[in-house]
Amino acid sequence: MTLRILATGGTFDKHYDEITGKLVFGDSTLPAIIERARITVPAVLEQLPFMDSLEMQNTDRQRIEAACTQAAEQCIVIIHGTDTMRETAEVLAQAGLAKTIVLTGSMIPYEIAGSDALFNFGFAFGVVQALPNGVYIAMNGQVFEWDKVKKNRQAGIFERC
């Protein structure tokens, strides 16, 4: 079994720019994460244009849907910004693909101490192999059906709704 990893950006893949003092996109951290996580299941990494999910438009979500549709793999992990993860999951669910798709992200960039990125990635990579076809969100050590989750911005976690 080969899995597909779609990288779309989000906080997960942001870097701290010491000059501007802002979080920005640069080279993806995913190759290093995959190596560090010691993933032994064959995986294909596909990088879509990186963006903050608050900036995503319908065309961006359609690009993600097209990538999932065209993927030969039946199990797909999508690295996505947490703010609009649910909206993208809805587009994917409406597509009715006969695949298992798990969206994950992080509240803190991978490169910053205390990041949840490595854990969330490893967790999503594991559960995508065990779940039935459908669209899910995996955050904070929990798996949520796409339409039964919300981001609690106050607590910085995802929870059932």
N, C-alpha and C. Protein backbone atom coordinates (compact mmCIF):
# COMPACT_ATOMS: atom_id res chain seq x y z
N MET A 1 0.84 -1.18 0.00
CA MET A 1 0.00 0.00 0.00
C MET A 1 0.89 1.25 0.00
N THR A 2 0.57 2.17 -0.87
CA THR A 2 1.24 3.47 -0.91
C THR A 2 0.23 4.53 -0.49
N LEU A 3 0.68 5.48 0.30
CA LEU A 3 -0.17 6.59 0.72
C LEU A 3 0.26 7.86 0.01
N ARG A 4 -0.66 8.81 -0.08
CA ARG A 4 -0.35 10.12 -0.66
C ARG A 4 -0.44 11.16 0.45
N ILE A 5 0.52 12.06 0.45
CA ILE A 5 0.53 13.19 1.37
C ILE A 5 0.41 14.44 0.51
N LEU A 6 -0.64 15.21 0.74
CA LEU A 6 -0.83 16.49 0.04
C LEU A 6 -0.48 17.61 1.00
N ALA A 7 0.48 18.41 0.64
CA ALA A 7 0.88 19.55 1.47
C ALA A 7 0.28 20.82 0.87
N THR A 8 -0.48 21.55 1.69
CA THR A 8 -1.11 22.78 1.21
C THR A 8 -0.65 24.02 1.98
N GLY A 9 0.20 23.83 2.96
CA GLY A 9 0.70 24.96 3.73
C GLY A 9 0.14 24.98 5.14
N GLY A 10 -0.44 26.11 5.52
CA GLY A 10 -0.94 26.27 6.88
C GLY A 10 0.20 26.51 7.85
N THR A 11 -0.14 26.72 9.09
CA THR A 11 0.86 26.97 10.14
C THR A 11 1.89 25.85 10.19
N PHE A 12 1.48 24.63 9.95
CA PHE A 12 2.33 23.45 9.96
C PHE A 12 3.66 23.71 9.27
N ASP A 13 3.62 24.31 8.08
CA ASP A 13 4.80 24.45 7.23
C ASP A 13 5.36 25.87 7.19
N LYS A 14 4.98 26.71 8.16
CA LYS A 14 5.52 28.07 8.17
C LYS A 14 6.87 28.12 8.87
N HIS A 15 7.66 29.12 8.48
CA HIS A 15 8.99 29.35 9.03
C HIS A 15 9.01 30.75 9.63
N TYR A 16 9.80 30.91 10.66
CA TYR A 16 9.96 32.23 11.27
C TYR A 16 11.02 33.02 10.51
N ASP A 17 10.65 34.19 10.01
CA ASP A 17 11.58 35.07 9.32
C ASP A 17 12.13 36.07 10.33
N GLU A 18 13.40 35.92 10.66
CA GLU A 18 14.02 36.77 11.69
C GLU A 18 14.06 38.24 11.28
N ILE A 19 14.09 38.50 9.99
CA ILE A 19 14.18 39.89 9.51
C ILE A 19 12.85 40.62 9.71
N THR A 20 11.77 39.98 9.29
CA THR A 20 10.46 40.63 9.39
C THR A 20 9.73 40.32 10.69
N GLY A 21 10.16 39.26 11.36
CA GLY A 21 9.48 38.85 12.58
C GLY A 21 8.14 38.19 12.31
N LYS A 22 7.95 37.70 11.08
CA LYS A 22 6.67 37.09 10.70
C LYS A 22 6.87 35.63 10.33
N LEU A 23 5.76 34.89 10.37
CA LEU A 23 5.76 33.52 9.89
C LEU A 23 5.48 33.54 8.39
N VAL A 24 6.33 32.85 7.63
CA VAL A 24 6.23 32.85 6.18
C VAL A 24 6.43 31.43 5.65
N PHE A 25 6.11 31.24 4.38
CA PHE A 25 6.35 29.95 3.74
C PHE A 25 7.70 29.95 3.06
N GLY A 26 8.38 28.83 3.14
CA GLY A 26 9.65 28.59 2.46
C GLY A 26 9.62 27.17 1.95
N ASP A 27 10.74 26.49 2.04
CA ASP A 27 10.77 25.08 1.67
C ASP A 27 9.94 24.27 2.66
N SER A 28 9.30 23.24 2.17
CA SER A 28 8.48 22.40 3.03
C SER A 28 9.32 21.66 4.05
N THR A 29 8.78 21.53 5.23
CA THR A 29 9.42 20.75 6.29
C THR A 29 9.05 19.27 6.20
N LEU A 30 8.11 18.93 5.32
CA LEU A 30 7.62 17.55 5.28
C LEU A 30 8.67 16.49 4.95
N PRO A 31 9.59 16.70 4.02
CA PRO A 31 10.60 15.66 3.81
C PRO A 31 11.36 15.34 5.11
N ALA A 32 11.72 16.36 5.87
CA ALA A 32 12.42 16.12 7.15
C ALA A 32 11.51 15.45 8.16
N ILE A 33 10.25 15.82 8.17
CA ILE A 33 9.28 15.22 9.10
C ILE A 33 9.10 13.74 8.78
N ILE A 34 8.95 13.43 7.51
CA ILE A 34 8.77 12.02 7.11
C ILE A 34 9.99 11.21 7.53
N GLU A 35 11.18 11.76 7.32
CA GLU A 35 12.40 11.06 7.73
C GLU A 35 12.46 10.92 9.25
N ARG A 36 12.18 12.00 9.96
CA ARG A 36 12.25 11.97 11.43
C ARG A 36 11.23 11.00 12.02
N ALA A 37 10.06 10.93 11.40
CA ALA A 37 9.00 10.04 11.89
C ALA A 37 9.30 8.57 11.58
N ARG A 38 10.32 8.34 10.76
CA ARG A 38 10.73 6.98 10.40
C ARG A 38 9.60 6.20 9.74
N ILE A 39 8.90 6.86 8.87
CA ILE A 39 7.79 6.25 8.14
C ILE A 39 8.35 5.16 7.23
N THR A 40 7.80 3.96 7.32
CA THR A 40 8.26 2.86 6.48
C THR A 40 7.24 2.48 5.41
N VAL A 41 6.03 2.99 5.52
CA VAL A 41 5.02 2.75 4.49
C VAL A 41 5.36 3.65 3.30
N PRO A 42 5.37 3.11 2.09
CA PRO A 42 5.67 3.96 0.94
C PRO A 42 4.68 5.13 0.85
N ALA A 43 5.20 6.31 0.60
CA ALA A 43 4.35 7.50 0.51
C ALA A 43 4.84 8.42 -0.59
N VAL A 44 3.88 9.05 -1.25
CA VAL A 44 4.16 10.03 -2.28
C VAL A 44 3.81 11.39 -1.71
N LEU A 45 4.76 12.32 -1.75
CA LEU A 45 4.52 13.69 -1.26
C LEU A 45 4.22 14.58 -2.45
N GLU A 46 3.06 15.22 -2.42
CA GLU A 46 2.68 16.17 -3.46
C GLU A 46 2.48 17.54 -2.80
N GLN A 47 3.17 18.53 -3.30
CA GLN A 47 3.06 19.87 -2.74
C GLN A 47 2.22 20.75 -3.65
N LEU A 48 1.10 21.19 -3.12
CA LEU A 48 0.27 22.16 -3.81
C LEU A 48 0.75 23.55 -3.40
N PRO A 49 0.27 24.61 -4.04
CA PRO A 49 0.70 25.94 -3.59
C PRO A 49 0.42 26.15 -2.10
N PHE A 50 1.44 26.58 -1.37
CA PHE A 50 1.31 26.80 0.07
C PHE A 50 0.58 28.11 0.33
N MET A 51 -0.36 28.05 1.27
CA MET A 51 -1.06 29.25 1.67
C MET A 51 -1.65 29.07 3.06
N ASP A 52 -1.93 30.19 3.68
CA ASP A 52 -2.66 30.19 4.93
C ASP A 52 -4.09 29.84 4.59
N SER A 53 -4.72 28.98 5.35
CA SER A 53 -6.06 28.53 5.00
C SER A 53 -7.09 29.66 5.05
N LEU A 54 -6.82 30.73 5.78
CA LEU A 54 -7.73 31.88 5.78
C LEU A 54 -7.76 32.57 4.42
N GLU A 55 -6.73 32.35 3.61
CA GLU A 55 -6.66 32.95 2.29
C GLU A 55 -7.22 32.04 1.20
N MET A 56 -7.61 30.81 1.55
CA MET A 56 -8.11 29.86 0.56
C MET A 56 -9.45 30.31 -0.01
N GLN A 57 -9.57 30.10 -1.31
CA GLN A 57 -10.81 30.37 -2.04
C GLN A 57 -11.35 29.04 -2.55
N ASN A 58 -12.54 29.08 -3.15
CA ASN A 58 -13.13 27.86 -3.70
C ASN A 58 -12.22 27.21 -4.74
N THR A 59 -11.52 28.00 -5.53
CA THR A 59 -10.62 27.42 -6.55
C THR A 59 -9.49 26.64 -5.90
N ASP A 60 -9.02 27.09 -4.74
CA ASP A 60 -7.96 26.37 -4.02
C ASP A 60 -8.49 25.04 -3.50
N ARG A 61 -9.69 25.05 -2.99
CA ARG A 61 -10.30 23.80 -2.50
C ARG A 61 -10.59 22.83 -3.65
N GLN A 62 -10.97 23.38 -4.79
CA GLN A 62 -11.20 22.53 -5.97
C GLN A 62 -9.88 21.91 -6.44
N ARG A 63 -8.77 22.64 -6.30
CA ARG A 63 -7.45 22.10 -6.65
C ARG A 63 -7.11 20.92 -5.73
N ILE A 64 -7.43 21.05 -4.45
CA ILE A 64 -7.19 19.96 -3.50
C ILE A 64 -8.07 18.76 -3.85
N GLU A 65 -9.33 19.03 -4.16
CA GLU A 65 -10.25 17.95 -4.56
C GLU A 65 -9.73 17.25 -5.82
N ALA A 66 -9.27 18.01 -6.80
CA ALA A 66 -8.75 17.42 -8.04
C ALA A 66 -7.53 16.55 -7.75
N ALA A 67 -6.66 17.01 -6.87
CA ALA A 67 -5.48 16.22 -6.52
C ALA A 67 -5.89 14.90 -5.87
N CYS A 68 -6.91 14.94 -5.03
CA CYS A 68 -7.40 13.70 -4.39
C CYS A 68 -8.05 12.79 -5.42
N THR A 69 -8.82 13.36 -6.31
CA THR A 69 -9.50 12.57 -7.36
C THR A 69 -8.48 11.89 -8.26
N GLN A 70 -7.44 12.62 -8.64
CA GLN A 70 -6.44 12.10 -9.57
C GLN A 70 -5.44 11.15 -8.92
N ALA A 71 -5.36 11.16 -7.61
CA ALA A 71 -4.39 10.31 -6.90
C ALA A 71 -4.73 8.84 -7.10
N ALA A 72 -3.73 8.05 -7.40
CA ALA A 72 -3.92 6.60 -7.54
C ALA A 72 -4.12 5.96 -6.17
N GLU A 73 -3.60 6.60 -5.14
CA GLU A 73 -3.65 6.04 -3.79
C GLU A 73 -5.06 6.16 -3.20
N GLN A 74 -5.40 5.17 -2.37
CA GLN A 74 -6.72 5.16 -1.72
C GLN A 74 -6.71 5.86 -0.37
N CYS A 75 -5.53 6.06 0.20
CA CYS A 75 -5.39 6.73 1.50
C CYS A 75 -4.58 8.01 1.31
N ILE A 76 -5.16 9.13 1.76
CA ILE A 76 -4.54 10.44 1.55
C ILE A 76 -4.54 11.22 2.86
N VAL A 77 -3.37 11.78 3.21
CA VAL A 77 -3.26 12.69 4.34
C VAL A 77 -3.03 14.08 3.75
N ILE A 78 -3.83 15.05 4.19
CA ILE A 78 -3.70 16.42 3.71
C ILE A 78 -3.22 17.30 4.86
N ILE A 79 -2.09 17.97 4.64
CA ILE A 79 -1.59 18.95 5.60
C ILE A 79 -2.25 20.27 5.23
N HIS A 80 -2.98 20.84 6.18
CA HIS A 80 -3.86 21.98 5.88
C HIS A 80 -3.86 22.94 7.05
N GLY A 81 -4.10 24.20 6.78
CA GLY A 81 -4.27 25.17 7.85
C GLY A 81 -5.50 24.85 8.67
N THR A 82 -5.44 25.12 9.96
CA THR A 82 -6.51 24.71 10.87
C THR A 82 -7.75 25.60 10.80
N ASP A 83 -7.61 26.84 10.36
CA ASP A 83 -8.75 27.75 10.40
C ASP A 83 -9.89 27.37 9.47
N THR A 84 -9.58 26.81 8.31
CA THR A 84 -10.66 26.45 7.37
C THR A 84 -10.58 24.98 6.94
N MET A 85 -9.99 24.18 7.78
CA MET A 85 -9.86 22.75 7.51
C MET A 85 -11.23 22.11 7.26
N ARG A 86 -12.20 22.48 8.07
CA ARG A 86 -13.54 21.90 7.96
C ARG A 86 -14.19 22.25 6.62
N GLU A 87 -13.97 23.46 6.12
CA GLU A 87 -14.55 23.87 4.84
C GLU A 87 -13.98 23.04 3.69
N THR A 88 -12.69 22.79 3.72
CA THR A 88 -12.08 21.94 2.69
C THR A 88 -12.58 20.51 2.83
N ALA A 89 -12.71 20.02 4.06
CA ALA A 89 -13.23 18.67 4.28
C ALA A 89 -14.63 18.53 3.71
N GLU A 90 -15.44 19.57 3.83
CA GLU A 90 -16.80 19.52 3.28
C GLU A 90 -16.78 19.36 1.77
N VAL A 91 -15.92 20.12 1.09
CA VAL A 91 -15.78 20.01 -0.37
C VAL A 91 -15.38 18.58 -0.75
N LEU A 92 -14.44 18.02 -0.02
CA LEU A 92 -13.99 16.66 -0.31
C LEU A 92 -15.09 15.63 -0.04
N ALA A 93 -15.84 15.82 1.03
CA ALA A 93 -16.93 14.90 1.35
C ALA A 93 -18.01 14.94 0.26
N GLN A 94 -18.31 16.13 -0.22
CA GLN A 94 -19.33 16.27 -1.27
C GLN A 94 -18.90 15.63 -2.58
N ALA A 95 -17.60 15.50 -2.78
CA ALA A 95 -17.09 14.85 -4.00
C ALA A 95 -17.39 13.36 -4.01
N GLY A 96 -17.61 12.78 -2.82
CA GLY A 96 -17.98 11.37 -2.72
C GLY A 96 -16.93 10.40 -3.22
N LEU A 97 -15.67 10.71 -2.99
CA LEU A 97 -14.59 9.83 -3.44
C LEU A 97 -14.56 8.54 -2.62
N ALA A 98 -14.26 7.45 -3.27
CA ALA A 98 -14.13 6.16 -2.59
C ALA A 98 -12.71 6.02 -2.05
N LYS A 99 -12.34 6.95 -1.17
CA LYS A 99 -11.00 6.98 -0.60
C LYS A 99 -11.11 7.38 0.87
N THR A 100 -10.04 7.14 1.59
CA THR A 100 -9.95 7.59 2.98
C THR A 100 -9.05 8.81 2.98
N ILE A 101 -9.61 9.94 3.42
CA ILE A 101 -8.90 11.22 3.40
C ILE A 101 -8.89 11.77 4.82
N VAL A 102 -7.70 12.06 5.32
CA VAL A 102 -7.55 12.63 6.66
C VAL A 102 -6.82 13.96 6.56
N LEU A 103 -7.45 15.01 7.06
CA LEU A 103 -6.83 16.32 7.11
C LEU A 103 -6.23 16.53 8.49
N THR A 104 -5.05 17.12 8.52
CA THR A 104 -4.41 17.46 9.78
C THR A 104 -3.61 18.74 9.60
N GLY A 105 -3.15 19.29 10.69
CA GLY A 105 -2.37 20.51 10.65
C GLY A 105 -1.71 20.70 12.00
N SER A 106 -1.41 21.95 12.33
CA SER A 106 -0.82 22.22 13.63
C SER A 106 -1.16 23.64 14.07
N MET A 107 -1.11 23.84 15.36
CA MET A 107 -1.33 25.16 15.93
C MET A 107 -0.02 25.95 16.00
N ILE A 108 1.10 25.21 16.02
CA ILE A 108 2.43 25.80 16.13
C ILE A 108 3.28 25.22 15.00
N PRO A 109 4.01 26.05 14.24
CA PRO A 109 4.83 25.53 13.14
C PRO A 109 5.81 24.44 13.61
N TYR A 110 6.10 23.51 12.73
CA TYR A 110 7.01 22.41 13.02
C TYR A 110 8.34 22.89 13.57
N GLU A 111 8.87 23.96 13.02
CA GLU A 111 10.20 24.43 13.39
C GLU A 111 10.27 25.14 14.75
N ILE A 112 9.14 25.36 15.38
CA ILE A 112 9.12 26.09 16.65
C ILE A 112 8.95 25.09 17.80
N ALA A 113 9.71 25.30 18.86
CA ALA A 113 9.64 24.41 20.03
C ALA A 113 8.21 24.29 20.53
N GLY A 114 7.84 23.09 20.91
CA GLY A 114 6.51 22.85 21.43
C GLY A 114 5.47 22.61 20.35
N SER A 115 5.91 22.46 19.10
CA SER A 115 4.98 22.25 17.99
C SER A 115 4.25 20.92 18.12
N ASP A 116 3.01 20.93 17.68
CA ASP A 116 2.20 19.72 17.62
C ASP A 116 2.24 19.08 16.23
N ALA A 117 3.02 19.64 15.31
CA ALA A 117 3.03 19.18 13.92
C ALA A 117 3.48 17.73 13.76
N LEU A 118 4.59 17.36 14.36
CA LEU A 118 5.10 15.99 14.20
C LEU A 118 4.11 14.97 14.74
N PHE A 119 3.57 15.22 15.91
CA PHE A 119 2.59 14.30 16.48
C PHE A 119 1.36 14.19 15.60
N ASN A 120 0.80 15.33 15.20
CA ASN A 120 -0.42 15.31 14.40
C ASN A 120 -0.19 14.60 13.07
N PHE A 121 0.98 14.83 12.46
CA PHE A 121 1.28 14.15 11.21
C PHE A 121 1.34 12.64 11.41
N GLY A 122 2.12 12.19 12.39
CA GLY A 122 2.25 10.76 12.64
C GLY A 122 0.92 10.11 12.97
N PHE A 123 0.12 10.81 13.78
CA PHE A 123 -1.20 10.29 14.14
C PHE A 123 -2.07 10.15 12.90
N ALA A 124 -2.13 11.20 12.07
CA ALA A 124 -2.95 11.16 10.86
C ALA A 124 -2.47 10.07 9.91
N PHE A 125 -1.15 9.94 9.78
CA PHE A 125 -0.58 8.93 8.89
C PHE A 125 -0.98 7.52 9.34
N GLY A 126 -1.03 7.31 10.64
CA GLY A 126 -1.42 6.01 11.16
C GLY A 126 -2.90 5.73 10.99
N VAL A 127 -3.75 6.69 11.36
CA VAL A 127 -5.20 6.42 11.33
C VAL A 127 -5.75 6.35 9.92
N VAL A 128 -5.12 7.03 8.95
CA VAL A 128 -5.63 6.96 7.58
C VAL A 128 -5.61 5.52 7.06
N GLN A 129 -4.69 4.72 7.59
CA GLN A 129 -4.57 3.33 7.16
C GLN A 129 -5.62 2.42 7.80
N ALA A 130 -6.27 2.89 8.86
CA ALA A 130 -7.21 2.04 9.59
C ALA A 130 -8.67 2.44 9.41
N LEU A 131 -8.92 3.64 8.94
CA LEU A 131 -10.29 4.14 8.83
C LEU A 131 -10.96 3.67 7.54
N PRO A 132 -12.28 3.55 7.55
CA PRO A 132 -12.99 3.26 6.30
C PRO A 132 -13.02 4.49 5.40
N ASN A 133 -13.42 4.30 4.16
CA ASN A 133 -13.52 5.43 3.24
C ASN A 133 -14.35 6.55 3.86
N GLY A 134 -13.92 7.77 3.62
CA GLY A 134 -14.61 8.94 4.14
C GLY A 134 -13.62 10.06 4.34
N VAL A 135 -14.10 11.17 4.88
CA VAL A 135 -13.27 12.34 5.12
C VAL A 135 -13.26 12.63 6.61
N TYR A 136 -12.06 12.79 7.15
CA TYR A 136 -11.88 12.94 8.60
C TYR A 136 -10.90 14.08 8.88
N ILE A 137 -10.94 14.55 10.11
CA ILE A 137 -9.97 15.50 10.62
C ILE A 137 -9.30 14.86 11.83
N ALA A 138 -7.97 14.83 11.83
CA ALA A 138 -7.21 14.24 12.93
C ALA A 138 -6.37 15.33 13.58
N MET A 139 -6.74 15.67 14.80
CA MET A 139 -6.03 16.71 15.56
C MET A 139 -6.07 16.35 17.03
N ASN A 140 -5.03 16.72 17.74
CA ASN A 140 -4.99 16.57 19.20
C ASN A 140 -5.21 15.13 19.66
N GLY A 141 -4.74 14.15 18.86
CA GLY A 141 -4.88 12.75 19.23
C GLY A 141 -6.29 12.21 19.09
N GLN A 142 -7.14 12.92 18.36
CA GLN A 142 -8.51 12.46 18.14
C GLN A 142 -8.82 12.47 16.64
N VAL A 143 -9.71 11.57 16.24
CA VAL A 143 -10.21 11.53 14.88
C VAL A 143 -11.66 11.99 14.92
N PHE A 144 -11.98 12.92 14.03
CA PHE A 144 -13.33 13.47 13.96
C PHE A 144 -13.89 13.25 12.57
N GLU A 145 -15.18 12.93 12.49
CA GLU A 145 -15.84 12.97 11.20
C GLU A 145 -15.87 14.44 10.79
N TRP A 146 -15.71 14.71 9.52
CA TRP A 146 -15.52 16.08 9.04
C TRP A 146 -16.64 17.03 9.48
N ASP A 147 -17.85 16.52 9.60
CA ASP A 147 -18.99 17.39 9.91
C ASP A 147 -19.37 17.39 11.40
N LYS A 148 -18.54 16.81 12.22
CA LYS A 148 -18.82 16.74 13.65
C LYS A 148 -17.66 17.30 14.47
N VAL A 149 -17.02 18.35 13.93
CA VAL A 149 -15.85 18.92 14.59
C VAL A 149 -15.84 20.43 14.42
N LYS A 150 -15.27 21.09 15.41
CA LYS A 150 -15.06 22.54 15.30
C LYS A 150 -13.75 22.87 15.97
N LYS A 151 -13.17 23.98 15.54
CA LYS A 151 -11.94 24.47 16.16
C LYS A 151 -12.33 25.40 17.29
N ASN A 152 -11.84 25.08 18.48
CA ASN A 152 -12.04 25.94 19.64
C ASN A 152 -10.84 26.88 19.69
N ARG A 153 -11.03 28.08 19.19
CA ARG A 153 -9.93 29.04 19.09
C ARG A 153 -9.44 29.50 20.46
N GLN A 154 -10.32 29.51 21.44
CA GLN A 154 -9.93 29.94 22.78
C GLN A 154 -8.95 28.95 23.41
N ALA A 155 -9.26 27.66 23.26
CA ALA A 155 -8.44 26.61 23.87
C ALA A 155 -7.33 26.13 22.95
N GLY A 156 -7.41 26.46 21.64
CA GLY A 156 -6.41 26.02 20.70
C GLY A 156 -6.46 24.53 20.40
N ILE A 157 -7.69 23.98 20.38
CA ILE A 157 -7.88 22.55 20.11
C ILE A 157 -9.09 22.34 19.21
N PHE A 158 -9.21 21.14 18.70
CA PHE A 158 -10.41 20.74 17.96
C PHE A 158 -11.27 19.89 18.90
N GLU A 159 -12.58 20.02 18.74
CA GLU A 159 -13.49 19.27 19.59
C GLU A 159 -14.76 18.91 18.83
N ARG A 160 -15.45 17.91 19.34
CA ARG A 160 -16.70 17.47 18.72
C ARG A 160 -17.76 18.55 18.83
N CYS A 161 -18.62 18.60 17.84
CA CYS A 161 -19.74 19.52 17.92
C CYS A 161 -21.03 18.78 17.59
